[in-house]
Amino acid sequence: MRDFRPLAFLCILGCSFAFGQSSGPTAPGASTATCNFTEQKQLAVNYQPVTVGKHEDDFLGHKVPYGKVWEPGKKAMTLFTNAPLTIGGSSLPVGAYTMYLIPERKAWTLVVSKNTDVSAAYDKSKDLVRAPMEIGQLPSPEPAFSVYFAHTGPTECTMRVDLADTRAWVPFEQK
């Protein structure tokens, strides 16, 4: 059986650091996606689910504009890792970070920022990683924005993001 105590400790520590700077409580309904490289090396992403209406064919490009930094649920996603990572060829040390998405028609970008205040406005000068994401068409639209990890190798998890009829993904590798 896996021991999740290191990840739980990292999440509690990260949440107290990241959300402790926020002006209010964390939003109810937040979701978490995790990747376990080993029993001692994990990462976690916290995000706000966003519901997509059944008849919203124009969700991407209108409600979520192309080419602009997007914060799902109007809050930055958070990344907590106790393992050094490589994302899109860029190194990321152990720590807590905020993450943003930049959707485009043919490609998306994942932005990892050294800022840890989820209520702060996005600041490009704090970017640590800008990783290109591949995208593809889902067979049927998803009713809500979601993030999850697929274990694609012994030291690699691919973060997958589903929104409406689009899936975007980028690998996270343990160094």
Protein backbone atom coordinates (compact mmCIF):
# COMPACT_ATOMS: atom_id res chain seq x y z
CA MET A 1 0.00 0.00 0.00
CA ARG A 2 1.28 3.44 -0.89
CA ASP A 3 2.13 5.95 1.80
CA PHE A 4 0.54 9.25 0.82
CA ARG A 5 1.75 11.12 3.91
CA PRO A 6 4.55 12.97 2.05
CA LEU A 7 2.08 14.24 -0.56
CA ALA A 8 -0.48 15.16 2.10
CA PHE A 9 2.17 17.07 4.03
CA LEU A 10 3.30 18.87 0.87
CA CYS A 11 -0.29 19.78 -0.04
CA ILE A 12 -1.05 21.07 3.47
CA LEU A 13 2.19 23.04 3.53
CA GLY A 14 1.62 24.37 0.03
CA CYS A 15 -2.02 25.25 0.69
CA SER A 16 -1.15 27.11 3.86
CA PHE A 17 1.54 29.03 1.97
CA ALA A 18 -0.36 29.68 -1.25
CA PHE A 19 -3.83 30.21 0.11
CA GLY A 20 -2.64 31.90 3.29
CA GLN A 21 -1.87 34.97 1.18
CA SER A 22 -5.33 35.03 -0.35
CA SER A 23 -7.81 37.64 0.73
CA GLY A 24 -10.54 35.07 1.35
CA PRO A 25 -11.18 31.38 1.82
CA THR A 26 -10.55 28.91 -0.96
CA ALA A 27 -13.50 28.35 -3.22
CA PRO A 28 -15.72 25.39 -2.45
CA GLY A 29 -15.68 22.62 -4.99
CA ALA A 30 -11.96 22.82 -5.82
CA SER A 31 -10.55 19.65 -7.35
CA THR A 32 -7.12 18.02 -7.16
CA ALA A 33 -5.21 15.93 -9.67
CA THR A 34 -2.15 13.99 -8.49
CA CYS A 35 0.77 12.07 -9.96
CA ASN A 36 2.79 9.62 -7.89
CA PHE A 37 6.24 8.96 -9.35
CA THR A 38 7.16 6.90 -6.28
CA GLU A 39 5.82 6.61 -2.75
CA GLN A 40 8.02 9.56 -1.77
CA LYS A 41 7.85 11.71 -4.95
CA GLN A 42 4.52 13.23 -5.98
CA LEU A 43 2.94 16.31 -7.44
CA ALA A 44 -0.53 17.76 -7.07
CA VAL A 45 -2.52 20.32 -9.06
CA ASN A 46 -5.48 22.12 -7.48
CA TYR A 47 -8.00 23.81 -9.78
CA GLN A 48 -11.52 25.16 -9.97
CA PRO A 49 -13.88 23.07 -12.13
CA VAL A 50 -15.74 25.14 -14.73
CA THR A 51 -19.05 23.90 -16.11
CA VAL A 52 -19.61 24.11 -19.85
CA GLY A 53 -23.25 24.44 -20.91
CA LYS A 54 -24.70 21.70 -23.12
CA HIS A 55 -25.32 24.08 -26.02
CA GLU A 56 -22.18 26.20 -25.74
CA ASP A 57 -20.40 25.45 -29.01
CA ASP A 58 -18.59 28.77 -28.74
CA PHE A 59 -17.16 28.24 -25.23
CA LEU A 60 -13.57 28.12 -26.48
CA GLY A 61 -12.70 31.30 -28.29
CA HIS A 62 -15.46 33.36 -26.66
CA LYS A 63 -16.00 32.68 -22.96
CA VAL A 64 -12.42 31.39 -22.86
CA PRO A 65 -10.69 33.70 -25.36
CA TYR A 66 -7.92 32.44 -27.60
CA GLY A 67 -4.44 33.85 -27.07
CA LYS A 68 -5.04 35.18 -23.55
CA VAL A 69 -4.01 33.87 -20.15
CA TRP A 70 -6.91 31.92 -18.66
CA GLU A 71 -7.53 31.14 -14.99
CA PRO A 72 -10.16 28.39 -14.72
CA GLY A 73 -12.85 29.52 -12.30
CA LYS A 74 -11.15 32.94 -12.13
CA LYS A 75 -8.37 31.54 -9.92
CA ALA A 76 -4.94 30.35 -10.88
CA MET A 77 -4.35 26.61 -10.67
CA THR A 78 -1.75 25.59 -8.08
CA LEU A 79 1.07 23.09 -8.44
CA PHE A 80 2.78 21.49 -5.44
CA THR A 81 5.73 19.18 -6.07
CA ASN A 82 8.22 17.46 -3.80
CA ALA A 83 10.21 16.21 -6.79
CA PRO A 84 12.24 18.36 -9.20
CA LEU A 85 10.52 18.37 -12.60
CA THR A 86 11.09 19.00 -16.27
CA ILE A 87 8.10 20.50 -18.10
CA GLY A 88 8.40 21.24 -21.81
CA GLY A 89 12.20 21.09 -21.56
CA SER A 90 12.35 23.57 -18.65
CA SER A 91 13.47 22.66 -15.14
CA LEU A 92 11.26 23.32 -12.13
CA PRO A 93 12.58 22.80 -8.58
CA VAL A 94 10.64 21.41 -5.62
CA GLY A 95 8.04 23.93 -4.43
CA ALA A 96 4.64 25.58 -4.79
CA TYR A 97 3.60 27.48 -7.91
CA THR A 98 0.60 28.90 -9.73
CA MET A 99 -0.31 27.73 -13.24
CA TYR A 100 -2.24 29.30 -16.09
CA LEU A 101 -3.38 28.20 -19.53
CA ILE A 102 -3.21 30.06 -22.82
CA PRO A 103 -5.62 28.36 -25.23
CA GLU A 104 -5.23 28.76 -29.00
CA ARG A 105 -7.02 27.09 -31.89
CA LYS A 106 -4.10 24.80 -32.81
CA ALA A 107 -1.93 24.72 -29.66
CA TRP A 108 -2.11 25.65 -26.00
CA THR A 109 0.57 26.87 -23.58
CA LEU A 110 0.97 25.95 -19.91
CA VAL A 111 2.46 28.75 -17.83
CA VAL A 112 4.06 28.00 -14.45
CA SER A 113 4.64 31.06 -12.28
CA LYS A 114 6.72 31.57 -9.17
CA ASN A 115 3.82 33.59 -7.76
CA THR A 116 1.90 31.61 -5.14
CA ASP A 117 -0.97 34.01 -4.46
CA VAL A 118 -4.00 32.63 -6.34
CA SER A 119 -5.86 35.92 -5.88
CA ALA A 120 -3.10 38.03 -7.47
CA ALA A 121 -3.34 39.21 -11.07
CA TYR A 122 -1.23 37.29 -13.56
CA ASP A 123 2.26 38.80 -13.91
CA LYS A 124 4.30 37.65 -16.92
CA SER A 125 7.55 38.70 -15.21
CA LYS A 126 7.04 35.86 -12.69
CA ASP A 127 6.84 33.11 -15.34
CA LEU A 128 9.23 30.21 -14.74
CA VAL A 129 8.01 27.84 -17.46
CA ARG A 130 6.06 28.31 -20.68
CA ALA A 131 5.48 24.83 -22.04
CA PRO A 132 3.74 24.10 -25.34
CA MET A 133 0.81 21.71 -25.00
CA GLU A 134 -0.42 19.40 -27.70
CA ILE A 135 -4.15 19.43 -28.37
CA GLY A 136 -6.70 17.08 -29.85
CA GLN A 137 -10.43 16.77 -30.40
CA LEU A 138 -12.48 14.74 -27.93
CA PRO A 139 -15.05 12.32 -29.37
CA SER A 140 -17.78 14.09 -27.39
CA PRO A 141 -17.75 17.37 -25.42
CA GLU A 142 -16.94 17.25 -21.72
CA PRO A 143 -19.53 18.98 -19.48
CA ALA A 144 -16.84 20.54 -17.24
CA PHE A 145 -13.21 21.65 -17.30
CA SER A 146 -11.05 18.96 -15.71
CA VAL A 147 -7.39 18.21 -15.06
CA TYR A 148 -5.91 14.77 -14.51
CA PHE A 149 -2.63 12.89 -14.90
CA ALA A 150 -1.86 9.80 -16.96
CA HIS A 151 1.20 7.81 -15.89
CA THR A 152 3.08 7.47 -19.20
CA GLY A 153 6.41 6.14 -17.92
CA PRO A 154 8.29 5.30 -14.71
CA THR A 155 9.28 8.95 -14.21
CA GLU A 156 6.68 10.69 -16.38
CA CYS A 157 3.09 11.79 -15.95
CA THR A 158 1.21 13.66 -18.63
CA MET A 159 -1.10 16.39 -17.40
CA ARG A 160 -4.30 16.30 -19.43
CA VAL A 161 -6.76 19.16 -19.54
CA ASP A 162 -10.27 18.66 -20.96
CA LEU A 163 -12.51 21.59 -21.85
CA ALA A 164 -15.59 21.37 -24.07
CA ASP A 165 -14.50 19.28 -27.09
CA THR A 166 -10.73 19.86 -26.64
CA ARG A 167 -8.02 17.97 -24.77
CA ALA A 168 -4.60 19.57 -24.21
CA TRP A 169 -1.66 17.74 -22.67
CA VAL A 170 1.96 18.19 -21.61
CA PRO A 171 4.42 15.75 -19.94
CA PHE A 172 5.81 16.32 -16.46
CA GLU A 173 9.05 14.38 -15.93
CA GLN A 174 10.68 13.69 -12.59
CA LYS A 175 14.37 14.65 -12.77
